[in-house]
Amino acid sequence: MSHGVAKAGQPTVLNRVSGSNPGQDIIGHRGGLVSDFFKAGLVSADVNKHYGNLNAAQLEYAPNGVPSRLCVGLEAAAYQNERLSLQACDTPGATVWIIDTADSPKTAAKGYFPIVNGSTTDFAHPFAMTYYGDPCHKHAADKPIRIAHLLNNPTHVHDNQLWGVLKK
């Protein structure tokens, strides 16, 4: 996201931690169990069947703390290497992200987990947030975050498909 300007379709990228870059401001829009998102009409019955008891969230872009009604999501139903972008938060499936601790239990115990998109239809190798590159590199913001089939689950999920929560 660029310079704190909220626009549908804008790519989602990684940036270094900064207290002065409004382009990094993401807040929780809605959270709960996948089954809650199913009841709200935001994920399919199949997604609910496979992930209903797992936590999920929507991530809203909020430059300078001002909600934009745009969430991190996908332009279409999940497909290999689709880039994440800002989408209307009420877009079914595409803006729901599932904390998939079941597909990587060893790493989940250490606080790292795959994040699966709520529009996935492949439950053996679901579409998960993936970053191709070094997030510490100074040009990391030039590479969008993408989704790709989760590989080697549940025993050896690749590092570029594992995410965590920064605790203060």
Foldseek 3Di string as FASTA:
>chain_A
DPQLDDDFPAFAFFDDDDPPRLQPDKDWPDKDFVLVCVVVVQADPVLCVQGRGFIKTFIFRDRVNRGDQWTFFFPDQDDAFGFTTTDRCSHRQGRMWTFCCVFAVVVVVVFKGWIATRRFDDPVFGWTWFQDDDSPDNCRRVGTTTTHTFPPTPYQTDPRRIDGDDDD
